Amino acid sequence: TPLWQHTFDMPDLKEGRISLKNSSGGKLFARLIIEGIPANEDTTDASNNLDITVTYKSMDGTSIDPRSIVQGTDFMAEVRINNPQGQAHYKEMALTHVLPSGWEIHNTRLDGLGEWADADIPTYQDIRDDRLLTYYDVGPKGQKIFRVLLNASYLGRFYLPAVYSEAMYDRTINARQGGHWVAVVKPKSI
């Protein structure tokens, strides 16, 4: 037949390898689809020639614990990036900030809330459904602060991935704040 499909169970893949042999002489196109729950990523912090701190705050600026947020709450994430080097000007830096599935990003460029926070303006920022990709430069001993307005939208327990920044062309310059589990909980009844 021109199409063949086979489902492998985990015990069949003890060594993590699959091999195919084409005995037909014709072209063979193989496609492997893997399903499952991904393992948690690294939950540790790291700092290599760059420092990063992520804090979560209520709209009045008070710190909140993101591990449990009431559904419907508007809050912000504040990412502070410091260049500890006194001589080096870091150019073409990338910040990847992926958010848990239960949180929604307010795109302040579209909803008219662009003036809600005093923060640095990145060179470029790509706002997607679940992440912000921010590109910036930072001078010697300099600091950048980026804020994003969020809403705890969907009830449940979700994984907040690590927030990571690095020089795009020099992997020796990077920093990470590890990820952890967060929850969006029901409001208390009145």
C-alpha atoms as a PDB file:
ATOM      1  CA  THR A   1       0.000   0.000   0.000  1.00  0.00           C
ATOM      2  CA  PRO A   2       1.177   3.575  -0.568  1.00  0.00           C
ATOM      3  CA  LEU A   3       0.620   4.449   3.098  1.00  0.00           C
ATOM      4  CA  TRP A   4       1.525   2.550   6.245  1.00  0.00           C
ATOM      5  CA  GLN A   5       0.999   3.625   9.826  1.00  0.00           C
ATOM      6  CA  HIS A   6       2.208   2.010  13.030  1.00  0.00           C
ATOM      7  CA  THR A   7       1.805   2.978  16.691  1.00  0.00           C
ATOM      8  CA  PHE A   8       4.736   2.176  18.962  1.00  0.00           C
ATOM      9  CA  ASP A   9       4.390   1.757  22.700  1.00  0.00           C
ATOM     10  CA  MET A  10       7.080   3.079  25.033  1.00  0.00           C
ATOM     11  CA  PRO A  11       8.460  -0.414  25.870  1.00  0.00           C
ATOM     12  CA  ASP A  12       9.115  -0.881  22.114  1.00  0.00           C
ATOM     13  CA  LEU A  13      11.357   2.195  22.184  1.00  0.00           C
ATOM     14  CA  LYS A  14      13.739   1.246  24.997  1.00  0.00           C
ATOM     15  CA  GLU A  15      16.772   2.672  23.235  1.00  0.00           C
ATOM     16  CA  GLY A  16      14.889   5.611  21.771  1.00  0.00           C
ATOM     17  CA  ARG A  17      15.617   4.570  18.176  1.00  0.00           C
ATOM     18  CA  ILE A  18      13.475   3.623  15.212  1.00  0.00           C
ATOM     19  CA  SER A  19      14.948   2.305  11.974  1.00  0.00           C
ATOM     20  CA  LEU A  20      13.258   1.855   8.618  1.00  0.00           C
ATOM     21  CA  LYS A  21      14.493  -0.173   5.654  1.00  0.00           C
ATOM     22  CA  ASN A  22      13.249   0.572   2.167  1.00  0.00           C
ATOM     23  CA  SER A  23      13.278  -2.646   0.135  1.00  0.00           C
ATOM     24  CA  SER A  24      11.012  -1.363  -2.651  1.00  0.00           C
ATOM     25  CA  GLY A  25      13.504   0.707  -4.660  1.00  0.00           C
ATOM     26  CA  GLY A  26      11.045   3.632  -4.730  1.00  0.00           C
ATOM     27  CA  LYS A  27      11.197   6.813  -2.711  1.00  0.00           C
ATOM     28  CA  LEU A  28      10.208   6.495   0.917  1.00  0.00           C
ATOM     29  CA  PHE A  29       8.925   9.378   2.996  1.00  0.00           C
ATOM     30  CA  ALA A  30       8.783   8.805   6.742  1.00  0.00           C
ATOM     31  CA  ARG A  31       7.019  10.904   9.333  1.00  0.00           C
ATOM     32  CA  LEU A  32       7.303  10.418  13.069  1.00  0.00           C
ATOM     33  CA  ILE A  33       4.675  11.922  15.359  1.00  0.00           C
ATOM     34  CA  ILE A  34       5.354  11.952  19.089  1.00  0.00           C
ATOM     35  CA  GLU A  35       2.632  12.618  21.648  1.00  0.00           C
ATOM     36  CA  GLY A  36       2.846  13.010  25.373  1.00  0.00           C
ATOM     37  CA  ILE A  37       3.215  15.393  28.258  1.00  0.00           C
ATOM     38  CA  PRO A  38       6.530  17.253  28.139  1.00  0.00           C
ATOM     39  CA  ALA A  39       8.799  17.056  31.154  1.00  0.00           C
ATOM     40  CA  ASN A  40       9.142  20.182  33.239  1.00  0.00           C
ATOM     41  CA  GLU A  41      11.916  22.402  32.037  1.00  0.00           C
ATOM     42  CA  ASP A  42      14.778  23.548  34.191  1.00  0.00           C
ATOM     43  CA  THR A  43      13.476  25.320  37.265  1.00  0.00           C
ATOM     44  CA  THR A  44      16.842  26.762  38.242  1.00  0.00           C
ATOM     45  CA  ASP A  45      18.024  30.328  37.867  1.00  0.00           C
ATOM     46  CA  ALA A  46      21.175  31.123  35.899  1.00  0.00           C
ATOM     47  CA  SER A  47      23.277  34.217  35.330  1.00  0.00           C
ATOM     48  CA  ASN A  48      26.165  34.441  32.867  1.00  0.00           C
ATOM     49  CA  ASN A  49      27.374  38.014  32.300  1.00  0.00           C
ATOM     50  CA  LEU A  50      23.725  39.147  32.608  1.00  0.00           C
ATOM     51  CA  ASP A  51      21.224  39.361  35.476  1.00  0.00           C
ATOM     52  CA  ILE A  52      17.457  38.894  35.234  1.00  0.00           C
ATOM     53  CA  THR A  53      14.695  39.330  37.813  1.00  0.00           C
ATOM     54  CA  VAL A  54      11.004  38.782  37.157  1.00  0.00           C
ATOM     55  CA  THR A  55       8.421  40.056  39.630  1.00  0.00           C
ATOM     56  CA  TYR A  56       4.645  40.015  39.483  1.00  0.00           C
ATOM     57  CA  LYS A  57       2.702  43.010  40.740  1.00  0.00           C
ATOM     58  CA  SER A  58      -0.859  44.146  41.205  1.00  0.00           C
ATOM     59  CA  MET A  59      -1.955  47.128  39.158  1.00  0.00           C
ATOM     60  CA  ASP A  60      -1.067  49.453  42.058  1.00  0.00           C
ATOM     61  CA  GLY A  61       2.526  48.155  42.035  1.00  0.00           C
ATOM     62  CA  THR A  62       2.471  45.870  45.094  1.00  0.00           C
ATOM     63  CA  SER A  63       4.223  42.517  44.711  1.00  0.00           C
ATOM     64  CA  ILE A  64       1.985  39.465  44.383  1.00  0.00           C
ATOM     65  CA  ASP A  65       2.691  35.743  44.401  1.00  0.00           C
ATOM     66  CA  PRO A  66       1.934  34.323  40.943  1.00  0.00           C
ATOM     67  CA  ARG A  67       1.562  30.803  42.372  1.00  0.00           C
ATOM     68  CA  SER A  68      -2.109  31.543  43.157  1.00  0.00           C
ATOM     69  CA  ILE A  69      -4.053  34.348  41.470  1.00  0.00           C
ATOM     70  CA  VAL A  70      -7.817  34.877  41.581  1.00  0.00           C
ATOM     71  CA  GLN A  71      -9.568  34.487  38.243  1.00  0.00           C
ATOM     72  CA  GLY A  72     -10.287  37.849  36.575  1.00  0.00           C
ATOM     73  CA  THR A  73      -7.364  39.628  38.250  1.00  0.00           C
ATOM     74  CA  ASP A  74      -5.415  42.123  36.149  1.00  0.00           C
ATOM     75  CA  PHE A  75      -1.727  42.209  37.087  1.00  0.00           C
ATOM     76  CA  MET A  76       1.649  42.852  35.541  1.00  0.00           C
ATOM     77  CA  ALA A  77       4.911  41.029  35.055  1.00  0.00           C
ATOM     78  CA  GLU A  78       8.027  43.159  35.387  1.00  0.00           C
ATOM     79  CA  VAL A  79      11.290  41.885  33.911  1.00  0.00           C
ATOM     80  CA  ARG A  80      14.471  43.673  35.012  1.00  0.00           C
ATOM     81  CA  ILE A  81      17.636  42.959  33.072  1.00  0.00           C
ATOM     82  CA  ASN A  82      21.003  44.230  34.284  1.00  0.00           C
ATOM     83  CA  ASN A  83      24.302  44.310  32.442  1.00  0.00           C
ATOM     84  CA  PRO A  84      26.888  43.802  35.227  1.00  0.00           C
ATOM     85  CA  GLN A  85      29.804  44.488  32.876  1.00  0.00           C
ATOM     86  CA  GLY A  86      31.382  47.930  33.170  1.00  0.00           C
ATOM     87  CA  GLN A  87      32.899  47.927  29.680  1.00  0.00           C
ATOM     88  CA  ALA A  88      30.617  45.865  27.444  1.00  0.00           C
ATOM     89  CA  HIS A  89      27.671  47.295  25.514  1.00  0.00           C
ATOM     90  CA  TYR A  90      25.350  44.389  24.767  1.00  0.00           C
ATOM     91  CA  LYS A  91      23.663  44.662  21.392  1.00  0.00           C
ATOM     92  CA  GLU A  92      21.066  42.435  19.755  1.00  0.00           C
ATOM     93  CA  MET A  93      19.720  40.931  22.973  1.00  0.00           C
ATOM     94  CA  ALA A  94      16.634  38.698  22.990  1.00  0.00           C
ATOM     95  CA  LEU A  95      14.182  38.162  25.845  1.00  0.00           C
ATOM     96  CA  THR A  96      11.769  35.222  25.653  1.00  0.00           C
ATOM     97  CA  HIS A  97       8.861  35.421  28.084  1.00  0.00           C
ATOM     98  CA  VAL A  98       6.399  32.539  27.666  1.00  0.00           C
ATOM     99  CA  LEU A  99       3.302  32.646  29.861  1.00  0.00           C
ATOM    100  CA  PRO A 100       1.119  29.899  31.311  1.00  0.00           C
ATOM    101  CA  SER A 101      -2.043  28.895  29.460  1.00  0.00           C
ATOM    102  CA  GLY A 102      -4.352  30.323  32.124  1.00  0.00           C
ATOM    103  CA  TRP A 103      -3.053  33.871  31.693  1.00  0.00           C
ATOM    104  CA  GLU A 104      -3.869  36.252  28.846  1.00  0.00           C
ATOM    105  CA  ILE A 105      -1.723  39.103  27.603  1.00  0.00           C
ATOM    106  CA  HIS A 106      -3.284  42.553  27.234  1.00  0.00           C
ATOM    107  CA  ASN A 107      -1.788  43.873  24.037  1.00  0.00           C
ATOM    108  CA  THR A 108      -1.399  47.485  25.163  1.00  0.00           C
ATOM    109  CA  ARG A 109      -0.619  48.579  21.621  1.00  0.00           C
ATOM    110  CA  LEU A 110      -4.122  47.578  20.545  1.00  0.00           C
ATOM    111  CA  ASP A 111      -6.336  48.214  23.567  1.00  0.00           C
ATOM    112  CA  GLY A 112      -5.247  51.777  24.313  1.00  0.00           C
ATOM    113  CA  LEU A 113      -3.529  51.004  27.609  1.00  0.00           C
ATOM    114  CA  GLY A 114      -0.055  51.795  26.294  1.00  0.00           C
ATOM    115  CA  GLU A 115       0.564  54.508  28.889  1.00  0.00           C
ATOM    116  CA  TRP A 116      -0.241  52.363  31.939  1.00  0.00           C
ATOM    117  CA  ALA A 117       3.366  51.626  32.877  1.00  0.00           C
ATOM    118  CA  ASP A 118       6.612  53.503  32.845  1.00  0.00           C
ATOM    119  CA  ALA A 119       9.041  51.039  31.242  1.00  0.00           C
ATOM    120  CA  ASP A 120      11.783  50.858  28.635  1.00  0.00           C
ATOM    121  CA  ILE A 121      10.853  50.733  24.973  1.00  0.00           C
ATOM    122  CA  PRO A 122      12.419  47.722  23.240  1.00  0.00           C
ATOM    123  CA  THR A 123      14.052  47.837  19.826  1.00  0.00           C
ATOM    124  CA  TYR A 124      11.318  45.449  18.688  1.00  0.00           C
ATOM    125  CA  GLN A 125       8.663  43.382  20.450  1.00  0.00           C
ATOM    126  CA  ASP A 126       6.562  40.541  19.044  1.00  0.00           C
ATOM    127  CA  ILE A 127       3.439  39.923  21.137  1.00  0.00           C
ATOM    128  CA  ARG A 128       1.837  36.544  20.528  1.00  0.00           C
ATOM    129  CA  ASP A 129      -1.041  34.716  22.234  1.00  0.00           C
ATOM    130  CA  ASP A 130       1.180  33.063  24.840  1.00  0.00           C
ATOM    131  CA  ARG A 131       4.515  34.873  24.741  1.00  0.00           C
ATOM    132  CA  LEU A 132       6.447  38.066  24.284  1.00  0.00           C
ATOM    133  CA  LEU A 133       9.627  38.106  22.231  1.00  0.00           C
ATOM    134  CA  THR A 134      11.490  41.289  23.096  1.00  0.00           C
ATOM    135  CA  TYR A 135      14.669  42.565  21.432  1.00  0.00           C
ATOM    136  CA  TYR A 136      16.825  45.276  22.998  1.00  0.00           C
ATOM    137  CA  ASP A 137      20.321  46.691  23.601  1.00  0.00           C
ATOM    138  CA  VAL A 138      21.730  47.464  27.046  1.00  0.00           C
ATOM    139  CA  GLY A 139      24.787  49.582  27.835  1.00  0.00           C
ATOM    140  CA  PRO A 140      27.612  48.988  30.330  1.00  0.00           C
ATOM    141  CA  LYS A 141      26.251  48.705  33.889  1.00  0.00           C
ATOM    142  CA  GLY A 142      22.865  49.452  32.314  1.00  0.00           C
ATOM    143  CA  GLN A 143      19.414  48.196  33.182  1.00  0.00           C
ATOM    144  CA  LYS A 144      16.280  47.555  31.124  1.00  0.00           C
ATOM    145  CA  ILE A 145      12.791  47.167  32.563  1.00  0.00           C
ATOM    146  CA  PHE A 146      10.020  45.604  30.493  1.00  0.00           C
ATOM    147  CA  ARG A 147       6.454  45.253  31.750  1.00  0.00           C
ATOM    148  CA  VAL A 148       3.497  43.338  30.403  1.00  0.00           C
ATOM    149  CA  LEU A 149      -0.112  43.660  31.517  1.00  0.00           C
ATOM    150  CA  LEU A 150      -1.764  40.277  32.166  1.00  0.00           C
ATOM    151  CA  ASN A 151      -5.098  38.801  33.216  1.00  0.00           C
ATOM    152  CA  ALA A 152      -5.665  35.558  35.151  1.00  0.00           C
ATOM    153  CA  SER A 153      -8.351  34.280  32.785  1.00  0.00           C
ATOM    154  CA  TYR A 154      -8.825  30.518  33.013  1.00  0.00           C
ATOM    155  CA  LEU A 155      -9.225  28.370  36.123  1.00  0.00           C
ATOM    156  CA  GLY A 156      -6.660  25.633  36.647  1.00  0.00           C
ATOM    157  CA  ARG A 157      -3.069  24.771  37.346  1.00  0.00           C
ATOM    158  CA  PHE A 158      -0.534  25.753  34.686  1.00  0.00           C
ATOM    159  CA  TYR A 159       3.227  25.723  34.207  1.00  0.00           C
ATOM    160  CA  LEU A 160       4.987  29.101  34.010  1.00  0.00           C
ATOM    161  CA  PRO A 161       8.108  28.456  31.892  1.00  0.00           C
ATOM    162  CA  ALA A 162      11.480  30.026  32.598  1.00  0.00           C
ATOM    163  CA  VAL A 163      12.022  33.612  31.454  1.00  0.00           C
ATOM    164  CA  TYR A 164      15.202  33.712  29.403  1.00  0.00           C
ATOM    165  CA  SER A 165      17.388  36.422  27.890  1.00  0.00           C
ATOM    166  CA  GLU A 166      20.543  36.086  25.827  1.00  0.00           C
ATOM    167  CA  ALA A 167      22.739  37.834  23.317  1.00  0.00           C
ATOM    168  CA  MET A 168      21.583  36.521  19.942  1.00  0.00           C
ATOM    169  CA  TYR A 169      25.116  36.006  18.655  1.00  0.00           C
ATOM    170  CA  ASP A 170      27.036  35.252  21.859  1.00  0.00           C
ATOM    171  CA  ARG A 171      25.667  32.434  24.016  1.00  0.00           C
ATOM    172  CA  THR A 172      28.104  33.261  26.827  1.00  0.00           C
ATOM    173  CA  ILE A 173      25.828  36.200  27.709  1.00  0.00           C
ATOM    174  CA  ASN A 174      22.555  34.878  29.139  1.00  0.00           C
ATOM    175  CA  ALA A 175      20.315  34.783  32.184  1.00  0.00           C
ATOM    176  CA  ARG A 176      17.305  32.728  33.209  1.00  0.00           C
ATOM    177  CA  GLN A 177      14.736  32.827  35.977  1.00  0.00           C
ATOM    178  CA  GLY A 178      13.428  29.294  36.420  1.00  0.00           C
ATOM    179  CA  GLY A 179       9.844  28.267  35.881  1.00  0.00           C
ATOM    180  CA  HIS A 180       7.296  26.905  38.321  1.00  0.00           C
ATOM    181  CA  TRP A 181       3.638  25.918  38.638  1.00  0.00           C
ATOM    182  CA  VAL A 182       0.960  28.581  39.035  1.00  0.00           C
ATOM    183  CA  ALA A 183      -2.774  28.425  39.645  1.00  0.00           C
ATOM    184  CA  VAL A 184      -5.746  30.532  38.687  1.00  0.00           C
ATOM    185  CA  VAL A 185      -8.338  30.065  41.444  1.00  0.00           C
ATOM    186  CA  LYS A 186     -12.035  30.859  41.829  1.00  0.00           C
ATOM    187  CA  PRO A 187     -12.960  34.148  43.464  1.00  0.00           C
ATOM    188  CA  LYS A 188     -14.292  33.842  47.007  1.00  0.00           C
ATOM    189  CA  SER A 189     -18.064  34.212  47.128  1.00  0.00           C
ATOM    190  CA  ILE A 190     -19.421  37.335  48.741  1.00  0.00           C
END
